[in-house]
PDB file of N, CA and C in Angstrom:
ATOM      1  N   MET A   1      96.533  22.490 139.159  1.00  0.00           N
ATOM      2  CA  MET A   1      98.282  22.208 140.014  1.00  0.00           C
ATOM      3  C   MET A   1      98.537  22.754 140.391  1.00  0.00           C
ATOM      4  N   LYS A   2      98.763  24.054 142.296  1.00  0.00           N
ATOM      5  CA  LYS A   2      99.840  24.789 142.654  1.00  0.00           C
ATOM      6  C   LYS A   2     100.514  25.176 143.036  1.00  0.00           C
ATOM      7  N   PHE A   3     101.691  25.615 142.247  1.00  0.00           N
ATOM      8  CA  PHE A   3     103.365  26.190 142.796  1.00  0.00           C
ATOM      9  C   PHE A   3     103.782  26.286 143.499  1.00  0.00           C
ATOM     10  N   ARG A   4     104.583  26.750 144.303  1.00  0.00           N
ATOM     11  CA  ARG A   4     105.584  27.762 145.114  1.00  0.00           C
ATOM     12  C   ARG A   4     106.793  27.460 144.428  1.00  0.00           C
ATOM     13  N   VAL A   5     107.765  28.838 144.455  1.00  0.00           N
ATOM     14  CA  VAL A   5     109.088  29.028 144.021  1.00  0.00           C
ATOM     15  C   VAL A   5     110.168  29.275 144.830  1.00  0.00           C
ATOM     16  N   TRP A   6     111.398  28.769 144.888  1.00  0.00           N
ATOM     17  CA  TRP A   6     112.127  29.224 146.404  1.00  0.00           C
ATOM     18  C   TRP A   6     113.436  29.007 144.988  1.00  0.00           C
ATOM     19  N   ASP A   7     113.789  31.046 144.764  1.00  0.00           N
ATOM     20  CA  ASP A   7     114.643  30.923 143.712  1.00  0.00           C
ATOM     21  C   ASP A   7     116.245  31.576 144.369  1.00  0.00           C
ATOM     22  N   LYS A   8     117.408  30.828 144.775  1.00  0.00           N
ATOM     23  CA  LYS A   8     118.493  29.908 145.626  1.00  0.00           C
ATOM     24  C   LYS A   8     118.829  31.626 145.097  1.00  0.00           C
ATOM     25  N   GLY A   9     119.049  32.440 143.776  1.00  0.00           N
ATOM     26  CA  GLY A   9     120.261  33.452 144.128  1.00  0.00           C
ATOM     27  C   GLY A   9     120.214  34.149 145.047  1.00  0.00           C
ATOM     28  N   ILE A  10     118.182  35.140 145.629  1.00  0.00           N
ATOM     29  CA  ILE A  10     118.185  36.150 146.361  1.00  0.00           C
ATOM     30  C   ILE A  10     117.369  35.804 147.451  1.00  0.00           C
ATOM     31  N   ASN A  11     117.175  34.211 147.352  1.00  0.00           N
ATOM     32  CA  ASN A  11     116.952  33.396 149.123  1.00  0.00           C
ATOM     33  C   ASN A  11     114.584  33.808 149.307  1.00  0.00           C
ATOM     34  N   GLN A  12     113.952  33.793 147.303  1.00  0.00           N
ATOM     35  CA  GLN A  12     112.584  34.232 147.828  1.00  0.00           C
ATOM     36  C   GLN A  12     111.993  33.391 147.497  1.00  0.00           C
ATOM     37  N   LEU A  13     110.732  33.506 148.458  1.00  0.00           N
ATOM     38  CA  LEU A  13     109.930  31.504 147.941  1.00  0.00           C
ATOM     39  C   LEU A  13     109.225  33.377 147.069  1.00  0.00           C
ATOM     40  N   TYR A  14     108.487  33.081 146.325  1.00  0.00           N
ATOM     41  CA  TYR A  14     106.885  33.667 145.757  1.00  0.00           C
ATOM     42  C   TYR A  14     106.345  31.883 146.009  1.00  0.00           C
ATOM     43  N   TYR A  15     104.541  32.489 146.137  1.00  0.00           N
ATOM     44  CA  TYR A  15     103.351  31.774 145.962  1.00  0.00           C
ATOM     45  C   TYR A  15     102.836  31.964 144.850  1.00  0.00           C
ATOM     46  N   ASP A  16     101.547  31.466 145.120  1.00  0.00           N
ATOM     47  CA  ASP A  16     100.376  31.540 144.087  1.00  0.00           C
ATOM     48  C   ASP A  16     101.980  31.501 142.659  1.00  0.00           C
ATOM     49  N   VAL A  17     102.217  30.950 142.193  1.00  0.00           N
ATOM     50  CA  VAL A  17     102.837  31.263 140.505  1.00  0.00           C
ATOM     51  C   VAL A  17     102.338  30.083 139.212  1.00  0.00           C
ATOM     52  N   ARG A  18     102.686  30.506 138.357  1.00  0.00           N
ATOM     53  CA  ARG A  18     102.792  29.640 136.909  1.00  0.00           C
ATOM     54  C   ARG A  18     104.148  29.315 136.315  1.00  0.00           C
ATOM     55  N   VAL A  19     104.090  27.718 135.703  1.00  0.00           N
ATOM     56  CA  VAL A  19     105.686  27.924 135.467  1.00  0.00           C
ATOM     57  C   VAL A  19     105.123  27.730 134.238  1.00  0.00           C
ATOM     58  N   THR A  20     106.552  27.929 133.537  1.00  0.00           N
ATOM     59  CA  THR A  20     106.485  27.554 131.072  1.00  0.00           C
ATOM     60  C   THR A  20     107.653  26.870 131.636  1.00  0.00           C
ATOM     61  N   SER A  21     107.514  25.852 131.207  1.00  0.00           N
ATOM     62  CA  SER A  21     109.675  25.508 130.427  1.00  0.00           C
ATOM     63  C   SER A  21     109.426  26.074 129.437  1.00  0.00           C
ATOM     64  N   THR A  22     110.857  26.223 129.531  1.00  0.00           N
ATOM     65  CA  THR A  22     111.549  26.722 127.859  1.00  0.00           C
ATOM     66  C   THR A  22     112.642  25.863 127.841  1.00  0.00           C
ATOM     67  N   ASP A  23     113.221  26.448 126.886  1.00  0.00           N
ATOM     68  CA  ASP A  23     115.270  25.713 126.480  1.00  0.00           C
ATOM     69  C   ASP A  23     115.875  26.495 127.810  1.00  0.00           C
ATOM     70  N   LYS A  24     116.426  27.796 128.716  1.00  0.00           N
ATOM     71  CA  LYS A  24     117.248  27.779 129.170  1.00  0.00           C
ATOM     72  C   LYS A  24     116.443  28.475 130.793  1.00  0.00           C
ATOM     73  N   TYR A  25     115.604  28.674 130.084  1.00  0.00           N
ATOM     74  CA  TYR A  25     114.683  29.063 131.830  1.00  0.00           C
ATOM     75  C   TYR A  25     113.312  28.888 131.617  1.00  0.00           C
ATOM     76  N   GLU A  26     112.861  28.702 132.937  1.00  0.00           N
ATOM     77  CA  GLU A  26     111.547  28.059 133.624  1.00  0.00           C
ATOM     78  C   GLU A  26     110.994  29.562 133.962  1.00  0.00           C
ATOM     79  N   LYS A  27     109.642  29.668 133.027  1.00  0.00           N
ATOM     80  CA  LYS A  27     109.868  31.489 133.317  1.00  0.00           C
ATOM     81  C   LYS A  27     107.885  31.099 134.355  1.00  0.00           C
ATOM     82  N   VAL A  28     108.800  31.954 135.599  1.00  0.00           N
ATOM     83  CA  VAL A  28     107.773  31.270 136.756  1.00  0.00           C
ATOM     84  C   VAL A  28     106.885  33.242 136.466  1.00  0.00           C
ATOM     85  N   GLU A  29     105.130  33.172 137.000  1.00  0.00           N
ATOM     86  CA  GLU A  29     104.993  34.160 136.858  1.00  0.00           C
ATOM     87  C   GLU A  29     103.892  34.236 138.090  1.00  0.00           C
ATOM     88  N   VAL A  30     104.579  35.320 138.802  1.00  0.00           N
ATOM     89  CA  VAL A  30     104.326  35.523 140.313  1.00  0.00           C
ATOM     90  C   VAL A  30     102.812  36.108 139.846  1.00  0.00           C
ATOM     91  N   LEU A  31     101.652  36.501 140.981  1.00  0.00           N
ATOM     92  CA  LEU A  31     100.420  36.430 140.526  1.00  0.00           C
ATOM     93  C   LEU A  31      99.981  37.542 141.079  1.00  0.00           C
ATOM     94  N   ASP A  32     101.141  38.808 140.962  1.00  0.00           N
ATOM     95  CA  ASP A  32     100.797  39.640 142.224  1.00  0.00           C
ATOM     96  C   ASP A  32     100.141  40.991 141.884  1.00  0.00           C
ATOM     97  N   CYS A  33      99.961  42.223 141.777  1.00  0.00           N
ATOM     98  CA  CYS A  33      99.061  43.271 141.270  1.00  0.00           C
ATOM     99  C   CYS A  33      99.089  43.719 139.947  1.00  0.00           C
ATOM    100  N   PHE A  34     100.669  42.942 139.757  1.00  0.00           N
ATOM    101  CA  PHE A  34     101.186  44.230 138.540  1.00  0.00           C
ATOM    102  C   PHE A  34     101.235  42.566 137.234  1.00  0.00           C
ATOM    103  N   SER A  35     102.042  41.535 137.884  1.00  0.00           N
ATOM    104  CA  SER A  35     101.358  40.267 136.885  1.00  0.00           C
ATOM    105  C   SER A  35     102.818  40.411 136.818  1.00  0.00           C
ATOM    106  N   ASP A  36     104.136  40.234 137.279  1.00  0.00           N
ATOM    107  CA  ASP A  36     105.263  40.651 136.687  1.00  0.00           C
ATOM    108  C   ASP A  36     105.798  39.147 136.303  1.00  0.00           C
ATOM    109  N   TRP A  37     106.688  39.037 135.081  1.00  0.00           N
ATOM    110  CA  TRP A  37     107.391  37.536 135.188  1.00  0.00           C
ATOM    111  C   TRP A  37     108.757  37.811 135.671  1.00  0.00           C
ATOM    112  N   ILE A  38     108.796  36.542 135.910  1.00  0.00           N
ATOM    113  CA  ILE A  38     110.136  36.695 136.386  1.00  0.00           C
ATOM    114  C   ILE A  38     110.596  34.949 135.813  1.00  0.00           C
ATOM    115  N   GLY A  39     112.202  35.356 135.481  1.00  0.00           N
ATOM    116  CA  GLY A  39     112.792  34.826 134.642  1.00  0.00           C
ATOM    117  C   GLY A  39     113.960  34.268 135.539  1.00  0.00           C
ATOM    118  N   ILE A  40     114.108  32.741 135.602  1.00  0.00           N
ATOM    119  CA  ILE A  40     114.946  32.095 136.586  1.00  0.00           C
ATOM    120  C   ILE A  40     116.012  31.297 136.317  1.00  0.00           C
ATOM    121  N   GLU A  41     117.104  31.225 136.055  1.00  0.00           N
ATOM    122  CA  GLU A  41     117.815  30.078 135.191  1.00  0.00           C
ATOM    123  C   GLU A  41     117.339  28.784 136.204  1.00  0.00           C
ATOM    124  N   LYS A  42     117.223  27.551 135.048  1.00  0.00           N
ATOM    125  CA  LYS A  42     116.523  26.275 136.436  1.00  0.00           C
ATOM    126  C   LYS A  42     118.057  25.789 137.309  1.00  0.00           C
ATOM    127  N   ASN A  43     118.755  26.622 137.379  1.00  0.00           N
ATOM    128  CA  ASN A  43     119.528  25.848 137.951  1.00  0.00           C
ATOM    129  C   ASN A  43     120.248  27.182 139.871  1.00  0.00           C
ATOM    130  N   ASN A  44     118.984  27.650 139.385  1.00  0.00           N
ATOM    131  CA  ASN A  44     118.542  28.852 140.668  1.00  0.00           C
ATOM    132  C   ASN A  44     117.480  28.702 141.490  1.00  0.00           C
ATOM    133  N   HIS A  45     117.037  27.890 141.069  1.00  0.00           N
ATOM    134  CA  HIS A  45     115.308  27.619 142.027  1.00  0.00           C
ATOM    135  C   HIS A  45     115.082  26.919 141.991  1.00  0.00           C
ATOM    136  N   VAL A  46     114.370  26.227 142.754  1.00  0.00           N
ATOM    137  CA  VAL A  46     113.423  24.953 143.094  1.00  0.00           C
ATOM    138  C   VAL A  46     112.217  25.067 143.182  1.00  0.00           C
ATOM    139  N   ILE A  47     111.011  23.890 142.607  1.00  0.00           N
ATOM    140  CA  ILE A  47     109.478  24.435 141.885  1.00  0.00           C
ATOM    141  C   ILE A  47     109.248  23.616 143.326  1.00  0.00           C
ATOM    142  N   MET A  48     108.553  23.688 144.641  1.00  0.00           N
ATOM    143  CA  MET A  48     107.772  22.354 144.694  1.00  0.00           C
ATOM    144  C   MET A  48     106.276  22.359 144.390  1.00  0.00           C
ATOM    145  N   ARG A  49     105.504  21.867 144.824  1.00  0.00           N
ATOM    146  CA  ARG A  49     103.656  21.679 144.683  1.00  0.00           C
ATOM    147  C   ARG A  49     102.945  21.916 145.763  1.00  0.00           C
ATOM    148  N   ASN A  50     101.578  22.039 144.836  1.00  0.00           N
ATOM    149  CA  ASN A  50     101.415  21.276 146.652  1.00  0.00           C
ATOM    150  C   ASN A  50     100.377  20.058 146.635  1.00  0.00           C
ATOM    151  N   THR A  51     100.436  19.958 147.608  1.00  0.00           N
ATOM    152  CA  THR A  51      99.848  18.816 148.117  1.00  0.00           C
ATOM    153  C   THR A  51      98.678  18.710 147.637  1.00  0.00           C
ATOM    154  N   GLY A  52      97.611  19.510 147.592  1.00  0.00           N
ATOM    155  CA  GLY A  52      96.509  19.450 147.756  1.00  0.00           C
ATOM    156  C   GLY A  52      95.539  19.039 149.221  1.00  0.00           C
ATOM    157  N   LEU A  53      96.563  19.082 150.324  1.00  0.00           N
ATOM    158  CA  LEU A  53      95.625  19.086 152.074  1.00  0.00           C
ATOM    159  C   LEU A  53      96.078  20.395 152.704  1.00  0.00           C
ATOM    160  N   LYS A  54      94.847  21.397 153.726  1.00  0.00           N
ATOM    161  CA  LYS A  54      95.610  21.837 154.818  1.00  0.00           C
ATOM    162  C   LYS A  54      95.568  21.263 156.039  1.00  0.00           C
ATOM    163  N   ASP A  55      96.393  22.093 157.027  1.00  0.00           N
ATOM    164  CA  ASP A  55      96.166  21.422 157.494  1.00  0.00           C
ATOM    165  C   ASP A  55      95.542  22.355 159.283  1.00  0.00           C
ATOM    166  N   LYS A  56      95.859  21.875 160.072  1.00  0.00           N
ATOM    167  CA  LYS A  56      94.133  22.741 161.628  1.00  0.00           C
ATOM    168  C   LYS A  56      93.966  24.216 160.730  1.00  0.00           C
ATOM    169  N   LYS A  57      95.148  25.218 160.843  1.00  0.00           N
ATOM    170  CA  LYS A  57      94.592  26.088 161.074  1.00  0.00           C
ATOM    171  C   LYS A  57      93.777  26.638 158.677  1.00  0.00           C
ATOM    172  N   GLY A  58      94.219  25.963 158.337  1.00  0.00           N
ATOM    173  CA  GLY A  58      93.427  26.239 156.763  1.00  0.00           C
ATOM    174  C   GLY A  58      94.469  26.089 156.335  1.00  0.00           C
ATOM    175  N   ASN A  59      96.102  25.618 155.396  1.00  0.00           N
ATOM    176  CA  ASN A  59      96.750  26.528 155.693  1.00  0.00           C
ATOM    177  C   ASN A  59      97.115  25.482 154.137  1.00  0.00           C
ATOM    178  N   GLU A  60      97.443  25.843 152.573  1.00  0.00           N
ATOM    179  CA  GLU A  60      97.514  25.143 152.141  1.00  0.00           C
ATOM    180  C   GLU A  60      99.267  24.271 152.110  1.00  0.00           C
ATOM    181  N   ILE A  61      98.947  22.672 152.700  1.00  0.00           N
ATOM    182  CA  ILE A  61     100.310  22.536 152.524  1.00  0.00           C
ATOM    183  C   ILE A  61     101.454  21.628 150.662  1.00  0.00           C
ATOM    184  N   TYR A  62     102.090  22.775 150.952  1.00  0.00           N
ATOM    185  CA  TYR A  62     103.549  22.745 149.834  1.00  0.00           C
ATOM    186  C   TYR A  62     104.277  21.411 150.334  1.00  0.00           C
ATOM    187  N   GLU A  63     104.369  21.062 148.776  1.00  0.00           N
ATOM    188  CA  GLU A  63     106.419  20.058 149.653  1.00  0.00           C
ATOM    189  C   GLU A  63     107.162  20.870 150.195  1.00  0.00           C
ATOM    190  N   GLY A  64     107.866  20.655 150.830  1.00  0.00           N
ATOM    191  CA  GLY A  64     109.265  20.591 150.986  1.00  0.00           C
ATOM    192  C   GLY A  64     108.803  21.880 152.540  1.00  0.00           C
ATOM    193  N   ASP A  65     107.686  21.594 153.058  1.00  0.00           N
ATOM    194  CA  ASP A  65     107.259  21.869 153.912  1.00  0.00           C
ATOM    195  C   ASP A  65     107.196  21.939 155.709  1.00  0.00           C
ATOM    196  N   ILE A  66     107.512  22.476 156.084  1.00  0.00           N
ATOM    197  CA  ILE A  66     108.085  21.808 157.758  1.00  0.00           C
ATOM    198  C   ILE A  66     107.214  21.808 158.607  1.00  0.00           C
ATOM    199  N   CYS A  67     106.239  20.518 159.100  1.00  0.00           N
ATOM    200  CA  CYS A  67     104.834  20.351 159.957  1.00  0.00           C
ATOM    201  C   CYS A  67     105.896  20.191 161.203  1.00  0.00           C
ATOM    202  N   ALA A  68     103.998  20.052 162.009  1.00  0.00           N
ATOM    203  CA  ALA A  68     104.428  19.346 163.825  1.00  0.00           C
ATOM    204  C   ALA A  68     103.097  19.037 164.387  1.00  0.00           C
ATOM    205  N   TYR A  69     102.834  18.483 164.764  1.00  0.00           N
ATOM    206  CA  TYR A  69     101.964  18.062 165.264  1.00  0.00           C
ATOM    207  C   TYR A  69     102.028  17.632 167.021  1.00  0.00           C
ATOM    208  N   TYR A  70     101.859  17.937 167.577  1.00  0.00           N
ATOM    209  CA  TYR A  70     101.849  17.634 169.355  1.00  0.00           C
ATOM    210  C   TYR A  70     100.974  16.373 169.533  1.00  0.00           C
ATOM    211  N   TYR A  71     101.891  16.113 171.224  1.00  0.00           N
ATOM    212  CA  TYR A  71     101.091  15.304 171.298  1.00  0.00           C
ATOM    213  C   TYR A  71     100.878  16.460 173.423  1.00  0.00           C
ATOM    214  N   GLY A  72      99.771  16.802 173.404  1.00  0.00           N
ATOM    215  CA  GLY A  72     100.113  17.412 174.689  1.00  0.00           C
ATOM    216  C   GLY A  72     101.296  18.548 174.593  1.00  0.00           C
ATOM    217  N   ASP A  73     102.765  18.677 175.063  1.00  0.00           N
ATOM    218  CA  ASP A  73     103.244  19.714 175.137  1.00  0.00           C
ATOM    219  C   ASP A  73     104.654  19.314 174.892  1.00  0.00           C
ATOM    220  N   VAL A  74     104.379  18.218 174.286  1.00  0.00           N
ATOM    221  CA  VAL A  74     105.133  17.365 172.787  1.00  0.00           C
ATOM    222  C   VAL A  74     105.359  17.319 171.569  1.00  0.00           C
ATOM    223  N   ALA A  75     106.031  18.362 171.162  1.00  0.00           N
ATOM    224  CA  ALA A  75     106.123  18.588 169.332  1.00  0.00           C
ATOM    225  C   ALA A  75     106.334  17.527 168.692  1.00  0.00           C
ATOM    226  N   GLU A  76     106.481  16.496 167.519  1.00  0.00           N
ATOM    227  CA  GLU A  76     106.806  15.636 166.749  1.00  0.00           C
ATOM    228  C   GLU A  76     106.991  16.882 165.134  1.00  0.00           C
ATOM    229  N   TYR A  77     107.507  17.129 164.957  1.00  0.00           N
ATOM    230  CA  TYR A  77     108.972  17.959 163.645  1.00  0.00           C
ATOM    231  C   TYR A  77     108.842  16.333 162.067  1.00  0.00           C
ATOM    232  N   CYS A  78     108.830  17.488 160.798  1.00  0.00           N
ATOM    233  CA  CYS A  78     108.409  16.727 160.121  1.00  0.00           C
ATOM    234  C   CYS A  78     108.743  17.533 158.970  1.00  0.00           C
ATOM    235  N   GLU A  79     109.411  16.404 157.911  1.00  0.00           N
ATOM    236  CA  GLU A  79     109.900  17.381 156.329  1.00  0.00           C
ATOM    237  C   GLU A  79     108.448  16.877 154.915  1.00  0.00           C
ATOM    238  N   VAL A  80     107.871  17.318 154.038  1.00  0.00           N
ATOM    239  CA  VAL A  80     106.817  16.946 153.440  1.00  0.00           C
ATOM    240  C   VAL A  80     107.470  16.153 152.165  1.00  0.00           C
ATOM    241  N   LYS A  81     106.820  15.122 152.169  1.00  0.00           N
ATOM    242  CA  LYS A  81     108.030  14.459 150.673  1.00  0.00           C
ATOM    243  C   LYS A  81     106.986  14.181 150.191  1.00  0.00           C
ATOM    244  N   TRP A  82     107.397  14.057 148.442  1.00  0.00           N
ATOM    245  CA  TRP A  82     106.717  12.772 147.758  1.00  0.00           C
ATOM    246  C   TRP A  82     107.762  11.898 147.637  1.00  0.00           C
ATOM    247  N   SER A  83     106.936  10.487 146.969  1.00  0.00           N
ATOM    248  CA  SER A  83     107.482   8.946 147.871  1.00  0.00           C
ATOM    249  C   SER A  83     106.769   8.531 145.989  1.00  0.00           C
ATOM    250  N   ASP A  84     108.139   8.685 145.221  1.00  0.00           N
ATOM    251  CA  ASP A  84     107.770   7.343 144.280  1.00  0.00           C
ATOM    252  C   ASP A  84     107.699   6.564 144.193  1.00  0.00           C
ATOM    253  N   LYS A  85     107.995   5.832 145.580  1.00  0.00           N
ATOM    254  CA  LYS A  85     107.538   4.276 145.859  1.00  0.00           C
ATOM    255  C   LYS A  85     105.622   3.808 145.942  1.00  0.00           C
ATOM    256  N   TYR A  86     105.777   5.206 146.189  1.00  0.00           N
ATOM    257  CA  TYR A  86     103.922   4.821 147.376  1.00  0.00           C
ATOM    258  C   TYR A  86     103.493   5.534 146.297  1.00  0.00           C
ATOM    259  N   SER A  87     103.670   7.056 144.586  1.00  0.00           N
ATOM    260  CA  SER A  87     103.246   7.873 144.596  1.00  0.00           C
ATOM    261  C   SER A  87     102.138   8.190 145.219  1.00  0.00           C
ATOM    262  N   THR A  88     102.660   9.702 146.525  1.00  0.00           N
ATOM    263  CA  THR A  88     102.065   9.372 147.452  1.00  0.00           C
ATOM    264  C   THR A  88     102.719  10.299 148.494  1.00  0.00           C
ATOM    265  N   TRP A  89     102.068  11.400 149.102  1.00  0.00           N
ATOM    266  CA  TRP A  89     102.723  12.491 149.865  1.00  0.00           C
ATOM    267  C   TRP A  89     102.906  11.411 151.427  1.00  0.00           C
ATOM    268  N   MET A  90     104.559  11.813 151.242  1.00  0.00           N
ATOM    269  CA  MET A  90     104.757  10.984 152.815  1.00  0.00           C
ATOM    270  C   MET A  90     105.673  12.457 153.498  1.00  0.00           C
ATOM    271  N   ILE A  91     105.801  12.123 154.591  1.00  0.00           N
ATOM    272  CA  ILE A  91     106.467  13.177 155.353  1.00  0.00           C
ATOM    273  C   ILE A  91     108.079  12.007 156.210  1.00  0.00           C
ATOM    274  N   GLU A  92     108.512  12.945 156.377  1.00  0.00           N
ATOM    275  CA  GLU A  92     110.061  12.252 157.213  1.00  0.00           C
ATOM    276  C   GLU A  92     110.577  13.023 158.634  1.00  0.00           C
ATOM    277  N   GLY A  93     109.958  12.391 159.067  1.00  0.00           N
ATOM    278  CA  GLY A  93     110.716  12.880 160.750  1.00  0.00           C
ATOM    279  C   GLY A  93     111.263  11.681 162.049  1.00  0.00           C
ATOM    280  N   ASP A  94     110.840  12.668 162.886  1.00  0.00           N
ATOM    281  CA  ASP A  94     110.421  11.449 163.801  1.00  0.00           C
ATOM    282  C   ASP A  94     109.046  11.267 164.035  1.00  0.00           C
ATOM    283  N   SER A  95     108.171  10.579 163.282  1.00  0.00           N
ATOM    284  CA  SER A  95     106.603  10.637 163.641  1.00  0.00           C
ATOM    285  C   SER A  95     106.541   9.388 163.236  1.00  0.00           C
ATOM    286  N   ASP A  96     105.725   8.547 163.929  1.00  0.00           N
ATOM    287  CA  ASP A  96     104.665   7.338 163.597  1.00  0.00           C
ATOM    288  C   ASP A  96     104.626   7.361 162.120  1.00  0.00           C
ATOM    289  N   ILE A  97     103.833   8.807 162.148  1.00  0.00           N
ATOM    290  CA  ILE A  97     102.930   9.096 161.104  1.00  0.00           C
ATOM    291  C   ILE A  97     103.670   8.834 159.869  1.00  0.00           C
ATOM    292  N   GLU A  98     103.735   8.585 159.162  1.00  0.00           N
ATOM    293  CA  GLU A  98     104.296   8.591 157.607  1.00  0.00           C
ATOM    294  C   GLU A  98     103.630   9.094 156.742  1.00  0.00           C
ATOM    295  N   PHE A  99     101.853   8.273 156.552  1.00  0.00           N
ATOM    296  CA  PHE A  99     101.783   9.757 154.436  1.00  0.00           C
ATOM    297  C   PHE A  99     101.083  10.383 155.318  1.00  0.00           C
ATOM    298  N   LEU A 100     101.239  11.673 155.133  1.00  0.00           N
ATOM    299  CA  LEU A 100     101.027  13.046 154.440  1.00  0.00           C
ATOM    300  C   LEU A 100      99.239  12.888 155.046  1.00  0.00           C
ATOM    301  N   ARG A 101      98.899  11.826 153.972  1.00  0.00           N
ATOM    302  CA  ARG A 101      97.188  12.508 153.896  1.00  0.00           C
ATOM    303  C   ARG A 101      96.146  12.292 155.573  1.00  0.00           C
ATOM    304  N   ASP A 102      97.636  11.151 156.032  1.00  0.00           N
ATOM    305  CA  ASP A 102      97.170  10.945 158.016  1.00  0.00           C
ATOM    306  C   ASP A 102      97.854  12.085 158.878  1.00  0.00           C
ATOM    307  N   PHE A 103      98.402  12.229 158.681  1.00  0.00           N
ATOM    308  CA  PHE A 103      98.306  13.564 159.302  1.00  0.00           C
ATOM    309  C   PHE A 103      98.016  14.677 158.694  1.00  0.00           C
ATOM    310  N   ALA A 104      97.295  15.564 157.997  1.00  0.00           N
ATOM    311  CA  ALA A 104      96.772  16.389 158.090  1.00  0.00           C
ATOM    312  C   ALA A 104      95.297  16.258 158.511  1.00  0.00           C
ATOM    313  N   LYS A 105      94.660  15.148 158.680  1.00  0.00           N
ATOM    314  CA  LYS A 105      93.928  14.430 160.015  1.00  0.00           C
ATOM    315  C   LYS A 105      93.832  14.588 160.720  1.00  0.00           C
ATOM    316  N   HIS A 106      95.452  14.641 161.606  1.00  0.00           N
ATOM    317  CA  HIS A 106      95.392  15.218 162.684  1.00  0.00           C
ATOM    318  C   HIS A 106      94.896  16.297 163.672  1.00  0.00           C
ATOM    319  N   ILE A 107      94.273  16.274 164.016  1.00  0.00           N
ATOM    320  CA  ILE A 107      93.679  17.826 164.450  1.00  0.00           C
ATOM    321  C   ILE A 107      94.207  18.620 165.219  1.00  0.00           C
ATOM    322  N   SER A 108      95.492  18.382 165.752  1.00  0.00           N
ATOM    323  CA  SER A 108      96.720  19.344 165.892  1.00  0.00           C
ATOM    324  C   SER A 108      97.634  19.090 165.263  1.00  0.00           C
ATOM    325  N   SER A 109      97.694  18.985 163.997  1.00  0.00           N
ATOM    326  CA  SER A 109      99.200  19.625 162.583  1.00  0.00           C
ATOM    327  C   SER A 109      99.126  20.375 162.541  1.00  0.00           C
ATOM    328  N   GLU A 110     100.056  21.447 162.103  1.00  0.00           N
ATOM    329  CA  GLU A 110     100.191  22.440 161.576  1.00  0.00           C
ATOM    330  C   GLU A 110     101.668  22.686 160.846  1.00  0.00           C
ATOM    331  N   VAL A 111     101.602  23.888 159.055  1.00  0.00           N
ATOM    332  CA  VAL A 111     102.933  23.880 158.925  1.00  0.00           C
ATOM    333  C   VAL A 111     103.248  24.731 159.484  1.00  0.00           C
ATOM    334  N   ILE A 112     104.327  24.297 159.937  1.00  0.00           N
ATOM    335  CA  ILE A 112     105.238  25.489 160.769  1.00  0.00           C
ATOM    336  C   ILE A 112     106.690  26.430 160.268  1.00  0.00           C
ATOM    337  N   GLY A 113     106.456  25.860 158.830  1.00  0.00           N
ATOM    338  CA  GLY A 113     107.491  27.132 158.021  1.00  0.00           C
ATOM    339  C   GLY A 113     107.804  25.928 156.656  1.00  0.00           C
ATOM    340  N   ASN A 114     109.645  26.367 156.260  1.00  0.00           N
ATOM    341  CA  ASN A 114     109.565  25.335 154.788  1.00  0.00           C
ATOM    342  C   ASN A 114     111.019  25.370 155.026  1.00  0.00           C
ATOM    343  N   ILE A 115     111.523  24.026 154.952  1.00  0.00           N
ATOM    344  CA  ILE A 115     112.995  23.690 154.925  1.00  0.00           C
ATOM    345  C   ILE A 115     114.380  25.242 153.803  1.00  0.00           C
ATOM    346  N   TYR A 116     113.761  25.758 152.944  1.00  0.00           N
ATOM    347  CA  TYR A 116     114.891  27.084 152.525  1.00  0.00           C
ATOM    348  C   TYR A 116     114.732  28.211 152.813  1.00  0.00           C
ATOM    349  N   GLU A 117     113.474  29.035 154.563  1.00  0.00           N
ATOM    350  CA  GLU A 117     113.198  29.794 154.701  1.00  0.00           C
ATOM    351  C   GLU A 117     113.974  29.259 156.427  1.00  0.00           C
ATOM    352  N   ASP A 118     113.498  28.752 156.451  1.00  0.00           N
ATOM    353  CA  ASP A 118     113.304  27.496 157.942  1.00  0.00           C
ATOM    354  C   ASP A 118     113.800  26.303 158.492  1.00  0.00           C
ATOM    355  N   PRO A 119     115.456  25.678 158.142  1.00  0.00           N
ATOM    356  CA  PRO A 119     115.760  25.227 158.009  1.00  0.00           C
ATOM    357  C   PRO A 119     116.373  24.174 158.814  1.00  0.00           C
ATOM    358  N   GLU A 120     116.131  25.322 160.092  1.00  0.00           N
ATOM    359  CA  GLU A 120     116.907  25.266 161.769  1.00  0.00           C
ATOM    360  C   GLU A 120     115.789  23.556 162.074  1.00  0.00           C
ATOM    361  N   LEU A 121     114.226  24.017 162.090  1.00  0.00           N
ATOM    362  CA  LEU A 121     113.993  23.526 162.642  1.00  0.00           C
ATOM    363  C   LEU A 121     113.583  22.196 163.060  1.00  0.00           C
ATOM    364  N   LEU A 122     114.651  21.484 161.547  1.00  0.00           N
ATOM    365  CA  LEU A 122     113.834  20.244 161.384  1.00  0.00           C
ATOM    366  C   LEU A 122     115.724  19.877 162.566  1.00  0.00           C
ATOM    367  N   GLU A 123     117.133  21.081 161.747  1.00  0.00           N
ATOM    368  CA  GLU A 123     118.392  20.164 163.071  1.00  0.00           C
ATOM    369  C   GLU A 123     118.452  19.968 163.903  1.00  0.00           C
ATOM    370  N   GLU A 124     117.276  20.684 164.592  1.00  0.00           N
ATOM    371  CA  GLU A 124     116.661  20.227 166.349  1.00  0.00           C
ATOM    372  C   GLU A 124     116.615  18.969 166.227  1.00  0.00           C
ATOM    373  N   VAL A 125     115.091  18.394 165.208  1.00  0.00           N
ATOM    374  CA  VAL A 125     115.419  17.473 165.525  1.00  0.00           C
ATOM    375  C   VAL A 125     115.865  16.230 165.544  1.00  0.00           C
ATOM    376  N   GLU A 126     117.041  16.918 163.920  1.00  0.00           N
ATOM    377  CA  GLU A 126     118.453  15.792 163.722  1.00  0.00           C
ATOM    378  C   GLU A 126     118.993  15.564 165.389  1.00  0.00           C
ATOM    379  N   GLU A 127     119.404  17.326 166.068  1.00  0.00           N
ATOM    380  CA  GLU A 127     119.914  16.219 167.601  1.00  0.00           C
ATOM    381  C   GLU A 127     119.519  16.249 168.456  1.00  0.00           C
TER     382      GLU A 127
END
């Protein structure tokens, strides 16, 4: 399973990480050219899972992503979340499409940001 991690302490998103758990820290290995280990305190980060799906441009879709799909000139925005009730990935927003797998099949769907780096995208929906 693939993960990405949002570090709340420095407002940075890490992709292609491996998460290993210990008592106080969940170590995050950033798979860059140095393969550095970065220890982040448990309450200072958010781990997001990869859904296994891709948008129309081939971008991987992660938990916490903000996605859009278009009907002509009208865009609808939604957030990717896991549903314990249905045991599947869902989208939450102003969309009629609720299951992420249905959204990912939509020809004009795409990831446009995430809730940590681009929260203003969802604020526009709430207004």
